[in-house]
Amino acid sequence: MAGSTFQAAVLRETGAPLSIEPLTLAPLEPGDVLIRMHAAGLCHTDREAMTGAFAVPLPVVLGHEGAGVVEAVGSAVQRVKPGQHVVCTIYAACGQCYYCRHDQPMLCDMVVPNHRAATLSAGRRRLRDASGAEVGHFLSVSSFAEYAVVPEAAAIPVPDEMPFDRACLLGCSVITGVGAALRVARVGLGDSVVVIGCGPVGLNVVQGARLAGAGAIIAVDRRADKLERASAFGATHTMLGSEDLRGEDLAARVRAITGGRGADHAFEAAGVIGSLQESVDCTRPGGSVTILGKTDPNRLVELRFGSISGERRILRSSLGGAKAADDFPAYAQAYLDGRLRLDEMIDRRLPLAAINDAFEDVERGDVIRAVVVMHE
């Protein structure tokens, strides 16, 4: 496969569209897995890289939600083999460093430097453009391409029955939202939950809470159409965002539903500064607040000190405490069993050539997920 040409979406300049162009592969390293990519989800993090809000060395192939079939493996690969269906994870944790030993694989000493440098193992790149120049790997995946090279630990086998366009969603939005409910906040049977922001991550928090057996699941968003979707995913109550409450306090409404105490768990999934304060206000004393949304990393965040008293726990989670090798197969089986909703997340399927148009929909918030389909 080394030297073969394939199409990929390359970011060469921030603020500019992706360039669909031919790339070639350098020879695989011993720990590499080559995947024939079938489907890739368009995530807001990819859009952030396009605008420069997410710093990444250029040029780079974007995309980090991906699913496909293993085409070839390096000489040292043992856990996957050609022909297996896999979903990519951006956290190919080593399992041995300080952070991995402390059950924090998202901080892995091997993963983080490669993400920052847009490289794979040994700090090297496998992609070359038509001039022979190196092209970077976004978050060690680069799924907006007909082929992708990932570390062995980033290729997680799933059942062959799992459709690729739904399987790719497991890689980010599903594992972030469902994982936040199940792994990070550890929502329990009968617990009350409020989710502020019902985009892809928020909807998956809703269904994660449903899978956990939560009681009241309160979804909050500024758009009525997203609240309708939240109801389909398992929300028991829906509320328009604070500016649409016509003077009625959001926290008071949540307390009215939760026996006067407030929610056991609140999730901020909107990435809006104001909704962070609302998330804390909606939480009961002793409850938990999990922050999932993102904003400018240099922006200062203020909270009323009194709102964080009462033994409340405030957590920040980037990928739902993901343990992809365990979670992806389990979530895939949950979908096949009819317990995990994925079909309802996809608003648009498109070819790689139309990816820039689809990102306009992502920017406007008009889609929950658009999915690029490279191979049927």
Protein backbone atom coordinates (compact mmCIF):
# COMPACT_ATOMS: atom_id res chain seq x y z
CA MET A 1 0.00 0.00 0.00
CA ALA A 2 2.98 2.33 0.57
CA GLY A 3 3.18 4.81 -2.29
CA SER A 4 -0.45 4.32 -3.31
CA THR A 5 -2.51 7.45 -3.95
CA PHE A 6 -5.83 8.28 -2.26
CA GLN A 7 -8.02 11.34 -1.70
CA ALA A 8 -8.03 13.32 1.54
CA ALA A 9 -9.34 16.62 2.93
CA VAL A 10 -6.28 18.70 3.85
CA LEU A 11 -6.26 21.89 5.92
CA ARG A 12 -3.48 24.09 4.57
CA GLU A 13 -4.51 27.48 5.94
CA THR A 14 -6.72 28.48 8.86
CA GLY A 15 -9.83 30.33 7.80
CA ALA A 16 -9.80 28.60 4.41
CA PRO A 17 -11.77 25.62 3.08
CA LEU A 18 -10.34 22.12 3.16
CA SER A 19 -8.48 21.08 0.03
CA ILE A 20 -9.47 17.73 -1.52
CA GLU A 21 -6.23 16.39 -2.92
CA PRO A 22 -4.26 13.19 -3.53
CA LEU A 23 -1.91 11.92 -0.84
CA THR A 24 0.45 8.96 -0.66
CA LEU A 25 1.53 6.75 2.22
CA ALA A 26 5.01 6.26 3.58
CA PRO A 27 5.81 2.68 4.68
CA LEU A 28 4.02 1.55 7.82
CA GLU A 29 5.93 1.56 11.10
CA PRO A 30 5.81 -1.66 13.21
CA GLY A 31 2.92 -0.43 15.41
CA ASP A 32 0.81 1.10 12.61
CA VAL A 33 -2.64 0.05 11.42
CA LEU A 34 -3.82 1.07 7.95
CA ILE A 35 -7.59 1.53 7.74
CA ARG A 36 -9.71 1.78 4.61
CA MET A 37 -11.97 4.50 5.93
CA HIS A 38 -15.67 4.04 5.21
CA ALA A 39 -17.30 6.85 7.20
CA ALA A 40 -16.28 9.87 9.26
CA GLY A 41 -18.36 12.23 11.39
CA LEU A 42 -17.96 16.01 11.22
CA CYS A 43 -17.29 17.33 14.71
CA HIS A 44 -17.13 20.91 15.94
CA THR A 45 -13.52 20.30 17.02
CA ASP A 46 -12.60 19.82 13.36
CA ARG A 47 -14.28 23.13 12.61
CA GLU A 48 -12.29 24.76 15.40
CA ALA A 49 -9.09 23.57 13.73
CA MET A 50 -10.26 25.12 10.46
CA THR A 51 -10.83 28.51 12.11
CA GLY A 52 -7.63 28.41 14.17
CA ALA A 53 -9.41 28.16 17.53
CA PHE A 54 -7.84 24.69 17.94
CA ALA A 55 -4.12 25.01 17.25
CA VAL A 56 -2.62 22.30 15.05
CA PRO A 57 0.47 22.25 12.79
CA LEU A 58 -0.34 22.66 9.10
CA PRO A 59 -0.84 21.09 6.64
CA VAL A 60 -2.94 18.39 8.27
CA VAL A 61 -5.71 15.95 7.35
CA LEU A 62 -8.62 16.62 9.69
CA GLY A 63 -11.25 14.22 11.06
CA HIS A 64 -11.26 12.20 14.27
CA GLU A 65 -14.54 10.25 14.20
CA GLY A 66 -13.86 7.38 11.82
CA ALA A 67 -14.81 3.78 11.08
CA GLY A 68 -13.59 1.37 8.46
CA VAL A 69 -11.85 -1.92 7.68
CA VAL A 70 -8.27 -2.81 8.54
CA GLU A 71 -6.32 -2.99 5.28
CA ALA A 72 -2.82 -3.78 6.58
CA VAL A 73 -0.84 -3.81 9.83
CA GLY A 74 2.73 -3.19 10.91
CA SER A 75 5.04 -6.03 11.87
CA ALA A 76 4.50 -5.61 15.64
CA VAL A 77 0.69 -5.33 15.62
CA GLN A 78 -1.06 -8.14 17.51
CA ARG A 79 -4.53 -6.93 18.55
CA VAL A 80 -6.10 -6.31 15.13
CA LYS A 81 -5.78 -7.97 11.75
CA PRO A 82 -6.71 -7.21 8.13
CA GLY A 83 -10.41 -7.49 7.42
CA GLN A 84 -11.60 -6.46 10.89
CA HIS A 85 -14.11 -3.64 11.23
CA VAL A 86 -12.80 -0.95 13.55
CA VAL A 87 -13.66 2.42 15.07
CA CYS A 88 -10.87 4.93 15.69
CA THR A 89 -10.14 6.53 19.03
CA ILE A 90 -8.05 9.66 19.45
CA TYR A 91 -6.62 8.36 22.74
CA ALA A 92 -4.34 5.47 21.90
CA ALA A 93 -3.11 5.41 25.47
CA CYS A 94 0.08 3.50 26.29
CA GLY A 95 -1.32 2.00 29.50
CA GLN A 96 2.03 2.33 31.28
CA CYS A 97 2.84 6.00 31.89
CA TYR A 98 2.06 7.94 35.09
CA TYR A 99 -1.35 9.13 33.85
CA CYS A 100 -2.42 5.78 32.46
CA ARG A 101 -1.50 4.11 35.75
CA HIS A 102 -3.63 6.71 37.54
CA ASP A 103 -6.63 5.93 35.31
CA GLN A 104 -6.33 9.18 33.32
CA PRO A 105 -5.62 7.93 29.77
CA MET A 106 -6.66 11.28 28.24
CA LEU A 107 -3.44 12.70 29.68
CA CYS A 108 -1.20 9.88 28.41
CA ASP A 109 2.43 10.92 28.08
CA MET A 110 2.63 9.34 24.63
CA VAL A 111 -0.68 10.63 23.23
CA VAL A 112 -0.60 14.31 24.14
CA PRO A 113 2.72 15.21 22.44
CA ASN A 114 1.64 13.47 19.23
CA HIS A 115 -1.65 15.36 19.22
CA ARG A 116 0.15 18.67 19.59
CA ALA A 117 2.65 17.88 16.84
CA ALA A 118 0.15 16.16 14.48
CA THR A 119 2.36 13.07 14.43
CA LEU A 120 2.04 9.35 15.11
CA SER A 121 4.44 7.08 17.01
CA ALA A 122 8.07 8.14 17.24
CA GLY A 123 7.03 11.69 16.32
CA ARG A 124 6.84 10.86 12.63
CA ARG A 125 4.23 11.24 9.89
CA ARG A 126 3.10 8.74 7.28
CA LEU A 127 1.27 11.06 4.86
CA ARG A 128 2.86 12.81 1.86
CA ASP A 129 1.37 15.29 -0.61
CA ALA A 130 1.99 15.44 -4.35
CA SER A 131 5.27 17.29 -3.81
CA GLY A 132 6.50 14.70 -1.32
CA ALA A 133 6.08 17.02 1.68
CA GLU A 134 4.80 15.61 4.96
CA VAL A 135 1.16 16.13 5.98
CA GLY A 136 0.07 15.91 9.61
CA HIS A 137 -2.30 13.51 11.38
CA PHE A 138 -5.09 15.27 13.30
CA LEU A 139 -5.48 13.82 16.80
CA SER A 140 -3.67 10.69 15.53
CA VAL A 141 -6.65 9.74 13.34
CA SER A 142 -7.21 11.99 10.24
CA SER A 143 -10.43 10.28 9.18
CA PHE A 144 -11.36 12.72 6.36
CA ALA A 145 -9.56 10.52 3.87
CA GLU A 146 -10.06 7.30 1.96
CA TYR A 147 -7.27 5.73 4.06
CA ALA A 148 -5.91 6.50 7.51
CA VAL A 149 -2.92 5.27 9.49
CA VAL A 150 -3.39 5.05 13.26
CA PRO A 151 -1.49 3.50 16.19
CA GLU A 152 -2.54 -0.06 17.05
CA ALA A 153 -4.29 1.06 20.24
CA ALA A 154 -6.39 3.54 18.23
CA ALA A 155 -8.12 0.84 16.13
CA ILE A 156 -10.88 -0.77 18.19
CA PRO A 157 -12.70 -3.79 16.69
CA VAL A 158 -16.50 -3.71 16.62
CA PRO A 159 -19.04 -6.25 15.29
CA ASP A 160 -19.20 -6.51 11.50
CA GLU A 161 -22.96 -5.93 11.71
CA MET A 162 -22.40 -2.37 12.92
CA PRO A 163 -23.03 0.11 10.04
CA PHE A 164 -19.97 2.26 9.42
CA ASP A 165 -21.83 5.58 9.32
CA ARG A 166 -23.17 4.93 12.81
CA ALA A 167 -20.03 3.24 14.11
CA CYS A 168 -17.91 6.34 13.44
CA LEU A 169 -20.06 8.38 15.85
CA LEU A 170 -18.81 6.27 18.75
CA GLY A 171 -15.38 7.87 18.40
CA CYS A 172 -16.20 11.26 19.91
CA SER A 173 -19.73 12.52 20.49
CA VAL A 174 -21.14 9.24 21.80
CA ILE A 175 -18.25 8.27 24.04
CA THR A 176 -18.03 11.84 25.37
CA GLY A 177 -21.70 12.20 26.25
CA VAL A 178 -22.62 8.67 27.26
CA GLY A 179 -19.30 8.29 29.05
CA ALA A 180 -19.83 11.54 30.97
CA ALA A 181 -23.05 10.11 32.39
CA LEU A 182 -21.84 6.57 33.02
CA ARG A 183 -18.12 6.92 33.77
CA VAL A 184 -17.51 10.49 34.95
CA ALA A 185 -20.62 11.51 36.90
CA ARG A 186 -21.67 7.90 37.53
CA VAL A 187 -25.37 8.64 37.24
CA GLY A 188 -27.29 6.10 39.29
CA LEU A 189 -30.68 4.47 39.19
CA GLY A 190 -33.37 7.08 39.86
CA ASP A 191 -30.96 10.04 39.91
CA SER A 192 -32.10 13.40 38.57
CA VAL A 193 -30.13 14.94 35.71
CA VAL A 194 -30.14 18.31 33.94
CA VAL A 195 -28.34 18.71 30.59
CA ILE A 196 -27.73 22.23 29.29
CA GLY A 197 -27.04 22.19 25.55
CA CYS A 198 -28.57 19.52 23.31
CA GLY A 199 -26.08 19.23 20.49
CA PRO A 200 -24.35 15.91 19.74
CA VAL A 201 -22.67 15.64 23.13
CA GLY A 202 -25.68 16.81 25.13
CA LEU A 203 -28.00 14.35 23.40
CA ASN A 204 -25.62 11.55 24.25
CA VAL A 205 -25.56 12.66 27.88
CA VAL A 206 -29.35 12.39 27.79
CA GLN A 207 -29.24 8.85 26.48
CA GLY A 208 -26.39 7.95 28.80
CA ALA A 209 -28.58 9.03 31.71
CA ARG A 210 -31.43 6.97 30.27
CA LEU A 211 -29.17 3.91 30.02
CA ALA A 212 -28.15 4.45 33.66
CA GLY A 213 -31.79 4.34 34.74
CA ALA A 214 -32.02 8.00 35.77
CA GLY A 215 -35.36 9.35 36.95
CA ALA A 216 -35.94 12.95 35.87
CA ILE A 217 -33.82 13.83 32.81
CA ILE A 218 -34.19 17.56 32.13
CA ALA A 219 -32.93 18.86 28.77
CA VAL A 220 -32.30 22.59 28.24
CA ASP A 221 -31.54 24.30 24.93
CA ARG A 222 -32.22 27.54 23.09
CA ARG A 223 -33.73 25.72 20.10
CA ALA A 224 -37.07 23.95 20.26
CA ASP A 225 -36.09 21.49 17.51
CA LYS A 226 -33.18 20.24 19.60
CA LEU A 227 -35.46 19.80 22.59
CA GLU A 228 -37.75 17.64 20.46
CA ARG A 229 -34.75 15.49 19.61
CA ALA A 230 -33.79 15.32 23.29
CA SER A 231 -37.22 13.91 24.12
CA ALA A 232 -36.65 11.14 21.57
CA PHE A 233 -33.31 10.36 23.23
CA GLY A 234 -34.86 9.99 26.67
CA ALA A 235 -35.45 13.43 28.23
CA THR A 236 -38.44 13.39 30.58
CA HIS A 237 -38.64 17.21 30.72
CA THR A 238 -37.52 19.93 28.30
CA MET A 239 -36.99 23.67 28.81
CA LEU A 240 -36.03 26.50 26.51
CA GLY A 241 -32.80 28.30 27.42
CA SER A 242 -32.65 31.02 30.06
CA GLU A 243 -33.31 34.00 27.79
CA ASP A 244 -36.58 32.35 26.74
CA LEU A 245 -37.82 31.57 30.23
CA ARG A 246 -39.71 34.90 30.39
CA GLY A 247 -38.34 35.84 33.78
CA GLU A 248 -38.72 32.45 35.41
CA ASP A 249 -35.49 31.18 36.91
CA LEU A 250 -34.16 27.97 35.36
CA ALA A 251 -32.82 26.68 38.67
CA ALA A 252 -36.22 27.21 40.29
CA ARG A 253 -37.89 25.15 37.62
CA VAL A 254 -35.35 22.37 38.08
CA ARG A 255 -35.91 22.41 41.83
CA ALA A 256 -39.65 22.17 41.29
CA ILE A 257 -39.10 18.93 39.36
CA THR A 258 -36.57 17.49 41.81
CA GLY A 259 -38.37 17.76 45.14
CA GLY A 260 -37.03 21.24 45.88
CA ARG A 261 -33.38 20.16 46.08
CA GLY A 262 -31.98 20.57 42.57
CA ALA A 263 -30.54 17.96 40.22
CA ASP A 264 -28.22 15.23 41.43
CA HIS A 265 -26.12 15.80 38.30
CA ALA A 266 -25.80 18.74 35.91
CA PHE A 267 -23.97 18.65 32.59
CA GLU A 268 -22.84 21.79 30.77
CA ALA A 269 -22.67 20.81 27.09
CA ALA A 270 -23.30 24.17 25.41
CA GLY A 271 -19.88 25.78 25.71
CA VAL A 272 -21.47 29.05 26.87
CA ILE A 273 -20.04 30.90 29.87
CA GLY A 274 -23.46 31.82 31.25
CA SER A 275 -24.70 28.26 31.14
CA LEU A 276 -21.86 27.18 33.42
CA GLN A 277 -23.30 29.29 36.23
CA GLU A 278 -26.75 27.93 35.44
CA SER A 279 -25.44 24.37 35.64
CA VAL A 280 -24.08 24.99 39.12
CA ASP A 281 -27.27 26.74 40.22
CA CYS A 282 -29.39 23.79 39.06
CA THR A 283 -27.40 21.28 41.12
CA ARG A 284 -28.38 20.24 44.63
CA PRO A 285 -25.95 20.48 47.55
CA GLY A 286 -23.68 17.46 47.32
CA GLY A 287 -24.42 17.03 43.62
CA SER A 288 -22.03 17.02 40.67
CA VAL A 289 -21.47 19.39 37.76
CA THR A 290 -19.69 17.98 34.70
CA ILE A 291 -18.36 20.52 32.19
CA LEU A 292 -18.29 19.19 28.62
CA GLY A 293 -18.67 22.32 26.48
CA LYS A 294 -15.67 24.29 25.26
CA THR A 295 -14.89 27.98 24.89
CA ASP A 296 -11.76 30.11 24.39
CA PRO A 297 -9.11 28.44 26.59
CA ASN A 298 -7.75 31.86 27.65
CA ARG A 299 -11.13 33.24 28.70
CA LEU A 300 -11.63 33.81 32.41
CA VAL A 301 -14.63 32.10 33.99
CA GLU A 302 -16.45 33.59 36.96
CA LEU A 303 -18.84 31.81 39.31
CA ARG A 304 -20.71 33.07 42.33
CA PHE A 305 -18.78 31.66 45.26
CA GLY A 306 -21.95 30.81 47.15
CA SER A 307 -23.13 28.64 44.29
CA ILE A 308 -20.17 26.27 44.65
CA SER A 309 -20.65 25.72 48.37
CA GLY A 310 -22.62 22.84 49.80
CA GLU A 311 -20.10 20.14 48.86
CA ARG A 312 -20.84 20.38 45.13
CA ARG A 313 -18.30 18.64 42.88
CA ILE A 314 -17.29 20.39 39.66
CA LEU A 315 -15.55 18.23 37.05
CA ARG A 316 -14.20 18.82 33.56
CA SER A 317 -14.28 15.94 31.08
CA SER A 318 -12.87 15.92 27.55
CA LEU A 319 -13.90 12.47 26.35
CA GLY A 320 -16.21 11.01 28.96
CA GLY A 321 -13.51 9.13 30.87
CA ALA A 322 -13.19 6.97 27.77
CA LYS A 323 -11.81 3.47 27.81
CA ALA A 324 -12.33 2.87 24.13
CA ALA A 325 -11.27 -0.77 24.03
CA ASP A 326 -14.10 -1.56 26.45
CA ASP A 327 -16.60 1.13 25.53
CA PHE A 328 -16.72 0.94 21.72
CA PRO A 329 -17.69 -2.75 21.53
CA ALA A 330 -20.19 -2.29 24.37
CA TYR A 331 -21.81 0.75 22.76
CA ALA A 332 -21.87 -0.96 19.36
CA GLN A 333 -23.70 -3.91 20.90
CA ALA A 334 -26.07 -1.54 22.68
CA TYR A 335 -26.92 -0.03 19.30
CA LEU A 336 -27.44 -3.44 17.71
CA ASP A 337 -29.69 -4.40 20.64
CA GLY A 338 -31.77 -1.24 20.14
CA ARG A 339 -30.71 0.40 23.43
CA LEU A 340 -28.41 3.13 22.01
CA ARG A 341 -29.83 5.64 19.52
CA LEU A 342 -27.49 6.53 16.65
CA ASP A 343 -29.67 6.66 13.53
CA GLU A 344 -31.46 9.72 14.89
CA MET A 345 -28.18 11.64 15.23
CA ILE A 346 -27.38 11.72 11.51
CA ASP A 347 -28.94 14.58 9.55
CA ARG A 348 -26.79 14.41 6.44
CA ARG A 349 -24.62 11.90 4.57
CA LEU A 350 -22.29 13.25 1.91
CA PRO A 351 -19.26 12.43 -0.23
CA LEU A 352 -15.80 13.68 0.69
CA ALA A 353 -15.95 16.25 -2.11
CA ALA A 354 -18.88 18.04 -0.38
CA ILE A 355 -17.26 18.30 3.04
CA ASN A 356 -16.86 22.09 3.04
CA ASP A 357 -20.56 22.66 2.44
CA ALA A 358 -21.39 20.35 5.32
CA PHE A 359 -19.13 22.28 7.69
CA GLU A 360 -21.24 25.36 7.06
CA ASP A 361 -24.19 23.41 8.48
CA VAL A 362 -22.04 22.43 11.47
CA GLU A 363 -21.11 26.05 12.11
CA ARG A 364 -24.76 27.15 12.05
CA GLY A 365 -25.82 24.29 14.32
CA ASP A 366 -28.23 23.02 11.66
CA VAL A 367 -27.11 19.39 11.98
CA ILE A 368 -26.51 17.12 14.93
CA ARG A 369 -24.11 15.05 12.84
CA ALA A 370 -23.15 15.09 9.21
CA VAL A 371 -21.22 12.01 8.07
CA VAL A 372 -18.80 11.73 5.16
CA VAL A 373 -19.13 8.37 3.40
CA MET A 374 -15.96 7.37 1.54
CA HIS A 375 -16.67 3.74 0.71
CA GLU A 376 -20.04 1.98 0.77
